[in-house]
Amino acid sequence: MDAQMTYLETWKQISTHLRRSERWCRAMARRPFSPLPVYRLGGIVRLQLEDLDAWLHAERARTIMTGPRLAA
């Protein structure tokens, strides 16, 4: 990845960056509460690294305060 890149452009780049599967990333983007902050432009997906850092910080804080949300 380019050292000056400030965004990720594909589900594969996003999943590699997060060390999660593409399926998990897509599920996080679709969830109704605190979704992964991706932008979709037609068939293109983009995630700003600054937005990702803020999302990860908020998710960590939420998990610490309330515990992980488990599926019923």
Protein backbone atom coordinates (compact mmCIF):
# COMPACT_ATOMS: atom_id res chain seq x y z
CA MET A 1 0.00 0.00 0.00
CA ASP A 2 1.23 3.50 -0.80
CA ALA A 3 2.64 5.28 2.28
CA GLN A 4 0.64 8.42 1.44
CA MET A 5 -2.67 6.63 0.87
CA THR A 6 -5.38 7.96 3.18
CA TYR A 7 -8.10 5.54 2.14
CA LEU A 8 -8.81 1.91 1.30
CA GLU A 9 -10.68 1.20 -1.94
CA THR A 10 -11.72 -2.44 -1.94
CA TRP A 11 -13.25 -4.92 0.48
CA LYS A 12 -10.02 -6.90 0.17
CA GLN A 13 -7.89 -3.90 1.24
CA ILE A 14 -10.28 -3.16 4.11
CA SER A 15 -10.28 -6.76 5.32
CA THR A 16 -6.49 -7.04 5.08
CA HIS A 17 -6.06 -3.79 7.02
CA LEU A 18 -8.44 -4.97 9.77
CA ARG A 19 -7.15 -8.56 9.66
CA ARG A 20 -10.73 -9.80 9.29
CA SER A 21 -12.59 -11.54 6.48
CA GLU A 22 -14.29 -9.61 3.69
CA ARG A 23 -17.59 -11.15 4.83
CA TRP A 24 -17.09 -9.73 8.36
CA CYS A 25 -16.28 -6.27 6.94
CA ARG A 26 -19.39 -6.27 4.76
CA ALA A 27 -21.51 -7.36 7.73
CA MET A 28 -20.08 -4.54 9.86
CA ALA A 29 -20.92 -2.05 7.10
CA ARG A 30 -24.55 -3.31 6.96
CA ARG A 31 -25.31 -3.40 10.67
CA PRO A 32 -27.86 -0.84 11.91
CA PHE A 33 -25.90 0.38 14.96
CA SER A 34 -22.46 1.93 14.48
CA PRO A 35 -21.80 0.60 10.96
CA LEU A 36 -18.32 0.52 9.44
CA PRO A 37 -18.07 3.99 7.80
CA VAL A 38 -17.65 3.02 4.15
CA TYR A 39 -18.68 5.14 1.17
CA ARG A 40 -20.20 3.39 -1.82
CA LEU A 41 -20.01 4.98 -5.25
CA GLY A 42 -21.68 2.63 -7.68
CA GLY A 43 -19.69 -0.60 -7.47
CA ILE A 44 -16.77 1.08 -5.69
CA VAL A 45 -16.32 1.05 -1.92
CA ARG A 46 -14.02 3.46 -0.10
CA LEU A 47 -13.05 3.82 3.55
CA GLN A 48 -11.07 6.81 4.81
CA LEU A 49 -8.36 5.75 7.28
CA GLU A 50 -9.22 8.69 9.55
CA ASP A 51 -12.86 7.51 9.70
CA LEU A 52 -11.70 3.95 10.35
CA ASP A 53 -9.53 5.06 13.28
CA ALA A 54 -12.45 6.97 14.80
CA TRP A 55 -14.78 3.97 14.31
CA LEU A 56 -12.29 1.57 15.91
CA HIS A 57 -11.82 3.92 18.89
CA ALA A 58 -15.60 4.22 19.36
CA GLU A 59 -16.08 0.44 19.06
CA ARG A 60 -13.37 -0.24 21.63
CA ALA A 61 -14.87 2.30 24.03
CA ARG A 62 -18.38 0.88 23.56
CA THR A 63 -17.17 -2.68 24.11
CA ILE A 64 -15.27 -1.72 27.27
CA MET A 65 -18.26 0.16 28.69
CA THR A 66 -21.03 -2.30 27.78
CA GLY A 67 -19.33 -5.56 26.92
CA PRO A 68 -19.48 -7.14 23.48
CA ARG A 69 -22.83 -7.37 21.74
CA LEU A 70 -23.66 -11.03 21.22
CA ALA A 71 -26.05 -12.39 18.65
CA ALA A 72 -29.22 -13.86 20.13
